[in-house]
mmCIF file of all heavy atoms, coordinates in Angstrom:
data_MODEL
# 
_entry.id   MODEL 
# 
loop_
_atom_site.group_PDB 
_atom_site.id 
_atom_site.type_symbol 
_atom_site.label_atom_id 
_atom_site.label_alt_id 
_atom_site.label_comp_id 
_atom_site.label_asym_id 
_atom_site.label_entity_id 
_atom_site.label_seq_id 
_atom_site.pdbx_PDB_ins_code 
_atom_site.Cartn_x 
_atom_site.Cartn_y 
_atom_site.Cartn_z 
_atom_site.occupancy 
_atom_site.B_iso_or_equiv 
_atom_site.pdbx_formal_charge 
_atom_site.auth_seq_id 
_atom_site.auth_comp_id 
_atom_site.auth_asym_id 
_atom_site.auth_atom_id 
_atom_site.pdbx_PDB_model_num 
ATOM 1   N N   . ARG A 1 1  ? 0.837   -1.142 -0.010 1.00 0.00 ? 1  ARG A N   1 
ATOM 2   C CA  . ARG A 1 1  ? -0.055  -0.068 0.038  1.00 0.00 ? 1  ARG A CA  1 
ATOM 3   C C   . ARG A 1 1  ? 0.884   1.253  0.002  1.00 0.00 ? 1  ARG A C   1 
ATOM 4   O O   . ARG A 1 1  ? 0.358   2.279  -0.580 1.00 0.00 ? 1  ARG A O   1 
ATOM 5   C CB  . ARG A 1 1  ? -0.847  -0.050 1.121  1.00 0.00 ? 1  ARG A CB  1 
ATOM 6   C CG  . ARG A 1 1  ? -1.911  -1.124 1.259  1.00 0.00 ? 1  ARG A CG  1 
ATOM 7   C CD  . ARG A 1 1  ? -2.942  -0.995 2.352  1.00 0.00 ? 1  ARG A CD  1 
ATOM 8   N NE  . ARG A 1 1  ? -2.254  -0.946 3.702  1.00 0.00 ? 1  ARG A NE  1 
ATOM 9   C CZ  . ARG A 1 1  ? -2.342  0.156  4.593  1.00 0.00 ? 1  ARG A CZ  1 
ATOM 10  N NH1 . ARG A 1 1  ? -3.080  1.116  4.157  1.00 0.00 ? 1  ARG A NH1 1 
ATOM 11  N NH2 . ARG A 1 1  ? -1.834  0.070  5.640  1.00 0.00 ? 1  ARG A NH2 1 
ATOM 12  N N   . PHE A 1 2  ? 1.967   1.236  0.702  1.00 0.00 ? 2  PHE A N   1 
ATOM 13  C CA  . PHE A 1 2  ? 2.865   2.456  0.683  1.00 0.00 ? 2  PHE A CA  1 
ATOM 14  C C   . PHE A 1 2  ? 4.089   2.176  -0.090 1.00 0.00 ? 2  PHE A C   1 
ATOM 15  O O   . PHE A 1 2  ? 4.660   1.032  -0.281 1.00 0.00 ? 2  PHE A O   1 
ATOM 16  C CB  . PHE A 1 2  ? 3.340   2.666  2.159  1.00 0.00 ? 2  PHE A CB  1 
ATOM 17  C CG  . PHE A 1 2  ? 2.249   3.102  3.158  1.00 0.00 ? 2  PHE A CG  1 
ATOM 18  C CD1 . PHE A 1 2  ? 0.898   3.012  2.744  1.00 0.00 ? 2  PHE A CD1 1 
ATOM 19  C CD2 . PHE A 1 2  ? 2.689   3.543  4.376  1.00 0.00 ? 2  PHE A CD2 1 
ATOM 20  C CE1 . PHE A 1 2  ? -0.007  3.547  3.775  1.00 0.00 ? 2  PHE A CE1 1 
ATOM 21  C CE2 . PHE A 1 2  ? 1.715   3.905  5.350  1.00 0.00 ? 2  PHE A CE2 1 
ATOM 22  C CZ  . PHE A 1 2  ? 0.342   3.893  4.969  1.00 0.00 ? 2  PHE A CZ  1 
ATOM 23  N N   . THR A 1 3  ? 4.608   3.229  -0.662 1.00 0.00 ? 3  THR A N   1 
ATOM 24  C CA  . THR A 1 3  ? 5.872   3.225  -1.495 1.00 0.00 ? 3  THR A CA  1 
ATOM 25  C C   . THR A 1 3  ? 6.771   4.408  -1.070 1.00 0.00 ? 3  THR A C   1 
ATOM 26  O O   . THR A 1 3  ? 6.330   5.537  -1.050 1.00 0.00 ? 3  THR A O   1 
ATOM 27  C CB  . THR A 1 3  ? 5.536   3.299  -2.986 1.00 0.00 ? 3  THR A CB  1 
ATOM 28  O OG1 . THR A 1 3  ? 4.651   2.251  -3.308 1.00 0.00 ? 3  THR A OG1 1 
ATOM 29  C CG2 . THR A 1 3  ? 6.808   3.158  -3.797 1.00 0.00 ? 3  THR A CG2 1 
ATOM 30  N N   . ILE A 1 4  ? 7.877   3.923  -0.736 1.00 0.00 ? 4  ILE A N   1 
ATOM 31  C CA  . ILE A 1 4  ? 9.015   5.053  -0.325 1.00 0.00 ? 4  ILE A CA  1 
ATOM 32  C C   . ILE A 1 4  ? 9.867   5.308  -1.543 1.00 0.00 ? 4  ILE A C   1 
ATOM 33  O O   . ILE A 1 4  ? 10.196  4.370  -2.290 1.00 0.00 ? 4  ILE A O   1 
ATOM 34  C CB  . ILE A 1 4  ? 9.735   4.592  0.963  1.00 0.00 ? 4  ILE A CB  1 
ATOM 35  C CG1 . ILE A 1 4  ? 10.558  5.740  1.439  1.00 0.00 ? 4  ILE A CG1 1 
ATOM 36  C CG2 . ILE A 1 4  ? 10.678  3.448  0.597  1.00 0.00 ? 4  ILE A CG2 1 
ATOM 37  C CD1 . ILE A 1 4  ? 11.229  5.406  2.825  1.00 0.00 ? 4  ILE A CD1 1 
ATOM 38  N N   . SER A 1 5  ? 10.266  6.546  -1.713 1.00 0.00 ? 5  SER A N   1 
ATOM 39  C CA  . SER A 1 5  ? 11.132  6.933  -2.784 1.00 0.00 ? 5  SER A CA  1 
ATOM 40  C C   . SER A 1 5  ? 11.952  8.099  -2.415 1.00 0.00 ? 5  SER A C   1 
ATOM 41  O O   . SER A 1 5  ? 11.742  8.687  -1.341 1.00 0.00 ? 5  SER A O   1 
ATOM 42  C CB  . SER A 1 5  ? 10.306  7.244  -4.061 1.00 0.00 ? 5  SER A CB  1 
ATOM 43  O OG  . SER A 1 5  ? 9.392   8.215  -3.954 1.00 0.00 ? 5  SER A OG  1 
ATOM 44  N N   . GLN A 1 6  ? 12.890  8.518  -3.198 1.00 0.00 ? 6  GLN A N   1 
ATOM 45  C CA  . GLN A 1 6  ? 13.698  9.656  -2.864 1.00 0.00 ? 6  GLN A CA  1 
ATOM 46  C C   . GLN A 1 6  ? 14.133  10.346 -4.151 1.00 0.00 ? 6  GLN A C   1 
ATOM 47  O O   . GLN A 1 6  ? 14.284  9.804  -5.131 1.00 0.00 ? 6  GLN A O   1 
ATOM 48  C CB  . GLN A 1 6  ? 14.956  9.108  -2.130 1.00 0.00 ? 6  GLN A CB  1 
ATOM 49  C CG  . GLN A 1 6  ? 15.922  8.206  -2.785 1.00 0.00 ? 6  GLN A CG  1 
ATOM 50  C CD  . GLN A 1 6  ? 16.939  7.647  -1.984 1.00 0.00 ? 6  GLN A CD  1 
ATOM 51  O OE1 . GLN A 1 6  ? 17.045  8.064  -0.806 1.00 0.00 ? 6  GLN A OE1 1 
ATOM 52  N NE2 . GLN A 1 6  ? 17.721  6.702  -2.436 1.00 0.00 ? 6  GLN A NE2 1 
ATOM 53  N N   . ASP A 1 7  ? 14.284  11.789 -3.934 1.00 0.00 ? 7  ASP A N   1 
ATOM 54  C CA  . ASP A 1 7  ? 14.867  12.615 -4.955 1.00 0.00 ? 7  ASP A CA  1 
ATOM 55  C C   . ASP A 1 7  ? 16.196  13.031 -4.257 1.00 0.00 ? 7  ASP A C   1 
ATOM 56  O O   . ASP A 1 7  ? 16.194  13.965 -3.505 1.00 0.00 ? 7  ASP A O   1 
ATOM 57  C CB  . ASP A 1 7  ? 13.881  13.746 -5.269 1.00 0.00 ? 7  ASP A CB  1 
ATOM 58  C CG  . ASP A 1 7  ? 14.352  14.517 -6.422 1.00 0.00 ? 7  ASP A CG  1 
ATOM 59  O OD1 . ASP A 1 7  ? 15.630  14.590 -6.723 1.00 0.00 ? 7  ASP A OD1 1 
ATOM 60  O OD2 . ASP A 1 7  ? 13.615  15.276 -6.977 1.00 0.00 ? 7  ASP A OD2 1 
ATOM 61  N N   . ASN A 1 8  ? 17.261  12.431 -4.638 1.00 0.00 ? 8  ASN A N   1 
ATOM 62  C CA  . ASN A 1 8  ? 18.616  12.900 -4.020 1.00 0.00 ? 8  ASN A CA  1 
ATOM 63  C C   . ASN A 1 8  ? 18.929  14.303 -4.468 1.00 0.00 ? 8  ASN A C   1 
ATOM 64  O O   . ASN A 1 8  ? 19.555  14.956 -3.545 1.00 0.00 ? 8  ASN A O   1 
ATOM 65  C CB  . ASN A 1 8  ? 19.714  11.875 -4.469 1.00 0.00 ? 8  ASN A CB  1 
ATOM 66  C CG  . ASN A 1 8  ? 19.559  10.510 -3.786 1.00 0.00 ? 8  ASN A CG  1 
ATOM 67  O OD1 . ASN A 1 8  ? 19.096  10.365 -2.699 1.00 0.00 ? 8  ASN A OD1 1 
ATOM 68  N ND2 . ASN A 1 8  ? 19.920  9.402  -4.485 1.00 0.00 ? 8  ASN A ND2 1 
ATOM 69  N N   . ALA A 1 9  ? 18.629  14.791 -5.507 1.00 0.00 ? 9  ALA A N   1 
ATOM 70  C CA  . ALA A 1 9  ? 18.924  16.115 -5.997 1.00 0.00 ? 9  ALA A CA  1 
ATOM 71  C C   . ALA A 1 9  ? 18.223  17.016 -5.166 1.00 0.00 ? 9  ALA A C   1 
ATOM 72  O O   . ALA A 1 9  ? 18.777  18.163 -4.844 1.00 0.00 ? 9  ALA A O   1 
ATOM 73  C CB  . ALA A 1 9  ? 18.592  16.322 -7.375 1.00 0.00 ? 9  ALA A CB  1 
ATOM 74  N N   . LYS A 1 10 ? 17.190  16.694 -4.475 1.00 0.00 ? 10 LYS A N   1 
ATOM 75  C CA  . LYS A 1 10 ? 16.346  17.695 -3.654 1.00 0.00 ? 10 LYS A CA  1 
ATOM 76  C C   . LYS A 1 10 ? 16.419  17.279 -2.247 1.00 0.00 ? 10 LYS A C   1 
ATOM 77  O O   . LYS A 1 10 ? 15.800  17.901 -1.393 1.00 0.00 ? 10 LYS A O   1 
ATOM 78  C CB  . LYS A 1 10 ? 14.828  17.720 -4.069 1.00 0.00 ? 10 LYS A CB  1 
ATOM 79  C CG  . LYS A 1 10 ? 14.660  18.244 -5.525 1.00 0.00 ? 10 LYS A CG  1 
ATOM 80  C CD  . LYS A 1 10 ? 13.271  18.402 -5.802 1.00 0.00 ? 10 LYS A CD  1 
ATOM 81  C CE  . LYS A 1 10 ? 13.078  18.901 -7.315 1.00 0.00 ? 10 LYS A CE  1 
ATOM 82  N NZ  . LYS A 1 10 ? 13.525  20.341 -7.352 1.00 0.00 ? 10 LYS A NZ  1 
ATOM 83  N N   . ASN A 1 11 ? 17.267  16.223 -1.938 1.00 0.00 ? 11 ASN A N   1 
ATOM 84  C CA  . ASN A 1 11 ? 17.306  15.770 -0.484 1.00 0.00 ? 11 ASN A CA  1 
ATOM 85  C C   . ASN A 1 11 ? 15.932  15.550 0.074  1.00 0.00 ? 11 ASN A C   1 
ATOM 86  O O   . ASN A 1 11 ? 15.747  15.978 1.267  1.00 0.00 ? 11 ASN A O   1 
ATOM 87  C CB  . ASN A 1 11 ? 18.244  16.671 0.290  1.00 0.00 ? 11 ASN A CB  1 
ATOM 88  C CG  . ASN A 1 11 ? 19.660  16.937 -0.143 1.00 0.00 ? 11 ASN A CG  1 
ATOM 89  O OD1 . ASN A 1 11 ? 20.262  15.931 -0.378 1.00 0.00 ? 11 ASN A OD1 1 
ATOM 90  N ND2 . ASN A 1 11 ? 20.154  18.153 -0.204 1.00 0.00 ? 11 ASN A ND2 1 
ATOM 91  N N   . THR A 1 12 ? 15.086  14.893 -0.632 1.00 0.00 ? 12 THR A N   1 
ATOM 92  C CA  . THR A 1 12 ? 13.799  14.611 -0.219 1.00 0.00 ? 12 THR A CA  1 
ATOM 93  C C   . THR A 1 12 ? 13.365  13.144 -0.346 1.00 0.00 ? 12 THR A C   1 
ATOM 94  O O   . THR A 1 12 ? 13.764  12.511 -1.320 1.00 0.00 ? 12 THR A O   1 
ATOM 95  C CB  . THR A 1 12 ? 12.848  15.525 -0.947 1.00 0.00 ? 12 THR A CB  1 
ATOM 96  O OG1 . THR A 1 12 ? 13.248  16.916 -0.819 1.00 0.00 ? 12 THR A OG1 1 
ATOM 97  C CG2 . THR A 1 12 ? 11.330  15.352 -0.557 1.00 0.00 ? 12 THR A CG2 1 
ATOM 98  N N   . VAL A 1 13 ? 12.835  12.722 0.693  1.00 0.00 ? 13 VAL A N   1 
ATOM 99  C CA  . VAL A 1 13 ? 12.238  11.303 0.715  1.00 0.00 ? 13 VAL A CA  1 
ATOM 100 C C   . VAL A 1 13 ? 10.748  11.404 0.729  1.00 0.00 ? 13 VAL A C   1 
ATOM 101 O O   . VAL A 1 13 ? 10.123  12.232 1.411  1.00 0.00 ? 13 VAL A O   1 
ATOM 102 C CB  . VAL A 1 13 ? 12.757  10.487 1.855  1.00 0.00 ? 13 VAL A CB  1 
ATOM 103 C CG1 . VAL A 1 13 ? 12.045  9.190  1.930  1.00 0.00 ? 13 VAL A CG1 1 
ATOM 104 C CG2 . VAL A 1 13 ? 14.308  10.336 1.699  1.00 0.00 ? 13 VAL A CG2 1 
ATOM 105 N N   . PHE A 1 14 ? 10.060  10.553 0.002  1.00 0.00 ? 14 PHE A N   1 
ATOM 106 C CA  . PHE A 1 14 ? 8.658   10.561 -0.112 1.00 0.00 ? 14 PHE A CA  1 
ATOM 107 C C   . PHE A 1 14 ? 8.080   9.360  0.443  1.00 0.00 ? 14 PHE A C   1 
ATOM 108 O O   . PHE A 1 14 ? 8.767   8.351  0.321  1.00 0.00 ? 14 PHE A O   1 
ATOM 109 C CB  . PHE A 1 14 ? 8.207   10.811 -1.557 1.00 0.00 ? 14 PHE A CB  1 
ATOM 110 C CG  . PHE A 1 14 ? 8.731   12.004 -2.262 1.00 0.00 ? 14 PHE A CG  1 
ATOM 111 C CD1 . PHE A 1 14 ? 9.894   11.922 -3.087 1.00 0.00 ? 14 PHE A CD1 1 
ATOM 112 C CD2 . PHE A 1 14 ? 8.137   13.254 -2.126 1.00 0.00 ? 14 PHE A CD2 1 
ATOM 113 C CE1 . PHE A 1 14 ? 10.426  13.092 -3.654 1.00 0.00 ? 14 PHE A CE1 1 
ATOM 114 C CE2 . PHE A 1 14 ? 8.757   14.401 -2.793 1.00 0.00 ? 14 PHE A CE2 1 
ATOM 115 C CZ  . PHE A 1 14 ? 9.826   14.230 -3.524 1.00 0.00 ? 14 PHE A CZ  1 
ATOM 116 N N   . LEU A 1 15 ? 6.814   9.444  0.799  1.00 0.00 ? 15 LEU A N   1 
ATOM 117 C CA  . LEU A 1 15 ? 6.116   8.300  1.164  1.00 0.00 ? 15 LEU A CA  1 
ATOM 118 C C   . LEU A 1 15 ? 4.656   8.337  0.495  1.00 0.00 ? 15 LEU A C   1 
ATOM 119 O O   . LEU A 1 15 ? 3.946   9.158  1.036  1.00 0.00 ? 15 LEU A O   1 
ATOM 120 C CB  . LEU A 1 15 ? 5.919   8.026  2.721  1.00 0.00 ? 15 LEU A CB  1 
ATOM 121 C CG  . LEU A 1 15 ? 5.278   6.905  3.136  1.00 0.00 ? 15 LEU A CG  1 
ATOM 122 C CD1 . LEU A 1 15 ? 6.140   5.499  2.960  1.00 0.00 ? 15 LEU A CD1 1 
ATOM 123 C CD2 . LEU A 1 15 ? 4.988   6.859  4.679  1.00 0.00 ? 15 LEU A CD2 1 
ATOM 124 N N   . GLN A 1 16 ? 4.442   7.494  -0.474 1.00 0.00 ? 16 GLN A N   1 
ATOM 125 C CA  . GLN A 1 16 ? 3.130   7.449  -1.140 1.00 0.00 ? 16 GLN A CA  1 
ATOM 126 C C   . GLN A 1 16 ? 2.251   6.418  -0.522 1.00 0.00 ? 16 GLN A C   1 
ATOM 127 O O   . GLN A 1 16 ? 2.748   5.317  -0.341 1.00 0.00 ? 16 GLN A O   1 
ATOM 128 C CB  . GLN A 1 16 ? 3.358   7.035  -2.709 1.00 0.00 ? 16 GLN A CB  1 
ATOM 129 C CG  . GLN A 1 16 ? 1.972   6.889  -3.338 1.00 0.00 ? 16 GLN A CG  1 
ATOM 130 C CD  . GLN A 1 16 ? 1.344   8.315  -3.622 1.00 0.00 ? 16 GLN A CD  1 
ATOM 131 O OE1 . GLN A 1 16 ? 1.956   9.313  -3.918 1.00 0.00 ? 16 GLN A OE1 1 
ATOM 132 N NE2 . GLN A 1 16 ? 0.062   8.265  -3.495 1.00 0.00 ? 16 GLN A NE2 1 
ATOM 133 N N   . MET A 1 17 ? 1.267   6.877  0.072  1.00 0.00 ? 17 MET A N   1 
ATOM 134 C CA  . MET A 1 17 ? 0.314   6.079  0.810  1.00 0.00 ? 17 MET A CA  1 
ATOM 135 C C   . MET A 1 17 ? -0.920  5.914  0.150  1.00 0.00 ? 17 MET A C   1 
ATOM 136 O O   . MET A 1 17 ? -1.704  6.852  -0.112 1.00 0.00 ? 17 MET A O   1 
ATOM 137 C CB  . MET A 1 17 ? 0.086   6.716  2.242  1.00 0.00 ? 17 MET A CB  1 
ATOM 138 C CG  . MET A 1 17 ? 1.398   6.974  3.006  1.00 0.00 ? 17 MET A CG  1 
ATOM 139 S SD  . MET A 1 17 ? 1.041   7.453  4.713  1.00 0.00 ? 17 MET A SD  1 
ATOM 140 C CE  . MET A 1 17 ? 0.237   9.063  4.421  1.00 0.00 ? 17 MET A CE  1 
ATOM 141 N N   . ASP A 1 18 ? -1.296  4.593  -0.234 1.00 0.00 ? 18 ASP A N   1 
ATOM 142 C CA  . ASP A 1 18 ? -2.493  4.332  -0.989 1.00 0.00 ? 18 ASP A CA  1 
ATOM 143 C C   . ASP A 1 18 ? -3.341  3.462  -0.137 1.00 0.00 ? 18 ASP A C   1 
ATOM 144 O O   . ASP A 1 18 ? -2.880  2.738  0.683  1.00 0.00 ? 18 ASP A O   1 
ATOM 145 C CB  . ASP A 1 18 ? -2.109  3.712  -2.385 1.00 0.00 ? 18 ASP A CB  1 
ATOM 146 C CG  . ASP A 1 18 ? -1.388  4.584  -3.347 1.00 0.00 ? 18 ASP A CG  1 
ATOM 147 O OD1 . ASP A 1 18 ? -1.652  5.794  -3.333 1.00 0.00 ? 18 ASP A OD1 1 
ATOM 148 O OD2 . ASP A 1 18 ? -0.360  4.104  -3.962 1.00 0.00 ? 18 ASP A OD2 1 
ATOM 149 N N   . SER A 1 19 ? -4.413  3.261  -0.582 1.00 0.00 ? 19 SER A N   1 
ATOM 150 C CA  . SER A 1 19 ? -5.563  2.369  0.117  1.00 0.00 ? 19 SER A CA  1 
ATOM 151 C C   . SER A 1 19 ? -5.548  2.610  1.672  1.00 0.00 ? 19 SER A C   1 
ATOM 152 O O   . SER A 1 19 ? -5.491  1.680  2.426  1.00 0.00 ? 19 SER A O   1 
ATOM 153 C CB  . SER A 1 19 ? -5.222  0.975  -0.296 1.00 0.00 ? 19 SER A CB  1 
ATOM 154 O OG  . SER A 1 19 ? -5.282  0.719  -1.581 1.00 0.00 ? 19 SER A OG  1 
ATOM 155 N N   . LEU A 1 20 ? -5.548  3.892  2.097  1.00 0.00 ? 20 LEU A N   1 
ATOM 156 C CA  . LEU A 1 20 ? -5.384  4.242  3.432  1.00 0.00 ? 20 LEU A CA  1 
ATOM 157 C C   . LEU A 1 20 ? -6.695  3.656  4.188  1.00 0.00 ? 20 LEU A C   1 
ATOM 158 O O   . LEU A 1 20 ? -7.832  3.629  3.709  1.00 0.00 ? 20 LEU A O   1 
ATOM 159 C CB  . LEU A 1 20 ? -5.316  5.690  3.580  1.00 0.00 ? 20 LEU A CB  1 
ATOM 160 C CG  . LEU A 1 20 ? -3.969  6.194  3.190  1.00 0.00 ? 20 LEU A CG  1 
ATOM 161 C CD1 . LEU A 1 20 ? -4.093  7.808  3.078  1.00 0.00 ? 20 LEU A CD1 1 
ATOM 162 C CD2 . LEU A 1 20 ? -2.900  5.894  4.322  1.00 0.00 ? 20 LEU A CD2 1 
ATOM 163 N N   . THR A 1 21 ? -6.349  3.293  5.426  1.00 0.00 ? 21 THR A N   1 
ATOM 164 C CA  . THR A 1 21 ? -7.550  2.868  6.312  1.00 0.00 ? 21 THR A CA  1 
ATOM 165 C C   . THR A 1 21 ? -7.371  3.632  7.648  1.00 0.00 ? 21 THR A C   1 
ATOM 166 O O   . THR A 1 21 ? -6.409  4.350  7.900  1.00 0.00 ? 21 THR A O   1 
ATOM 167 C CB  . THR A 1 21 ? -7.303  1.307  6.662  1.00 0.00 ? 21 THR A CB  1 
ATOM 168 O OG1 . THR A 1 21 ? -6.142  1.098  7.584  1.00 0.00 ? 21 THR A OG1 1 
ATOM 169 C CG2 . THR A 1 21 ? -6.961  0.522  5.398  1.00 0.00 ? 21 THR A CG2 1 
ATOM 170 N N   . PRO A 1 22 ? -8.475  3.598  8.386  1.00 0.00 ? 22 PRO A N   1 
ATOM 171 C CA  . PRO A 1 22 ? -8.406  4.339  9.644  1.00 0.00 ? 22 PRO A CA  1 
ATOM 172 C C   . PRO A 1 22 ? -7.343  3.938  10.567 1.00 0.00 ? 22 PRO A C   1 
ATOM 173 O O   . PRO A 1 22 ? -6.806  4.714  11.316 1.00 0.00 ? 22 PRO A O   1 
ATOM 174 C CB  . PRO A 1 22 ? -9.729  3.986  10.311 1.00 0.00 ? 22 PRO A CB  1 
ATOM 175 C CG  . PRO A 1 22 ? -10.709 3.753  9.201  1.00 0.00 ? 22 PRO A CG  1 
ATOM 176 C CD  . PRO A 1 22 ? -9.816  3.089  8.152  1.00 0.00 ? 22 PRO A CD  1 
ATOM 177 N N   . GLU A 1 23 ? -6.798  2.641  10.437 1.00 0.00 ? 23 GLU A N   1 
ATOM 178 C CA  . GLU A 1 23 ? -5.661  2.222  11.177 1.00 0.00 ? 23 GLU A CA  1 
ATOM 179 C C   . GLU A 1 23 ? -4.267  2.976  10.825 1.00 0.00 ? 23 GLU A C   1 
ATOM 180 O O   . GLU A 1 23 ? -3.461  2.801  11.704 1.00 0.00 ? 23 GLU A O   1 
ATOM 181 C CB  . GLU A 1 23 ? -5.516  0.709  11.183 1.00 0.00 ? 23 GLU A CB  1 
ATOM 182 C CG  . GLU A 1 23 ? -6.645  -0.162 11.841 1.00 0.00 ? 23 GLU A CG  1 
ATOM 183 C CD  . GLU A 1 23 ? -7.948  0.039  11.126 1.00 0.00 ? 23 GLU A CD  1 
ATOM 184 O OE1 . GLU A 1 23 ? -8.027  -0.050 9.835  1.00 0.00 ? 23 GLU A OE1 1 
ATOM 185 O OE2 . GLU A 1 23 ? -8.916  0.042  11.792 1.00 0.00 ? 23 GLU A OE2 1 
ATOM 186 N N   . ASP A 1 24 ? -4.338  3.631  9.755  1.00 0.00 ? 24 ASP A N   1 
ATOM 187 C CA  . ASP A 1 24 ? -3.100  4.355  9.368  1.00 0.00 ? 24 ASP A CA  1 
ATOM 188 C C   . ASP A 1 24 ? -3.166  5.744  9.938  1.00 0.00 ? 24 ASP A C   1 
ATOM 189 O O   . ASP A 1 24 ? -2.135  6.468  9.855  1.00 0.00 ? 24 ASP A O   1 
ATOM 190 C CB  . ASP A 1 24 ? -3.038  4.540  7.817  1.00 0.00 ? 24 ASP A CB  1 
ATOM 191 C CG  . ASP A 1 24 ? -3.004  3.228  7.154  1.00 0.00 ? 24 ASP A CG  1 
ATOM 192 O OD1 . ASP A 1 24 ? -2.068  2.438  7.542  1.00 0.00 ? 24 ASP A OD1 1 
ATOM 193 O OD2 . ASP A 1 24 ? -3.668  2.903  6.179  1.00 0.00 ? 24 ASP A OD2 1 
ATOM 194 N N   . THR A 1 25 ? -4.180  6.102  10.678 1.00 0.00 ? 25 THR A N   1 
ATOM 195 C CA  . THR A 1 25 ? -4.212  7.443  11.407 1.00 0.00 ? 25 THR A CA  1 
ATOM 196 C C   . THR A 1 25 ? -3.132  7.489  12.319 1.00 0.00 ? 25 THR A C   1 
ATOM 197 O O   . THR A 1 25 ? -3.022  6.631  13.233 1.00 0.00 ? 25 THR A O   1 
ATOM 198 C CB  . THR A 1 25 ? -5.616  7.654  12.015 1.00 0.00 ? 25 THR A CB  1 
ATOM 199 O OG1 . THR A 1 25 ? -6.654  7.638  11.024 1.00 0.00 ? 25 THR A OG1 1 
ATOM 200 C CG2 . THR A 1 25 ? -5.686  8.935  12.857 1.00 0.00 ? 25 THR A CG2 1 
ATOM 201 N N   . ALA A 1 26 ? -2.241  8.565  12.193 1.00 0.00 ? 26 ALA A N   1 
ATOM 202 C CA  . ALA A 1 26 ? -1.104  8.676  13.118 1.00 0.00 ? 26 ALA A CA  1 
ATOM 203 C C   . ALA A 1 26 ? -0.427  9.970  12.794 1.00 0.00 ? 26 ALA A C   1 
ATOM 204 O O   . ALA A 1 26 ? -0.684  10.722 11.754 1.00 0.00 ? 26 ALA A O   1 
ATOM 205 C CB  . ALA A 1 26 ? -0.261  7.528  13.017 1.00 0.00 ? 26 ALA A CB  1 
# 
């Protein structure tokens, strides 16, 4: 459901979260 990725040129890490459920609330 989640996918982590990075853009090293921008020093940024992403977390794509799909199919979210209430249990993901945090």
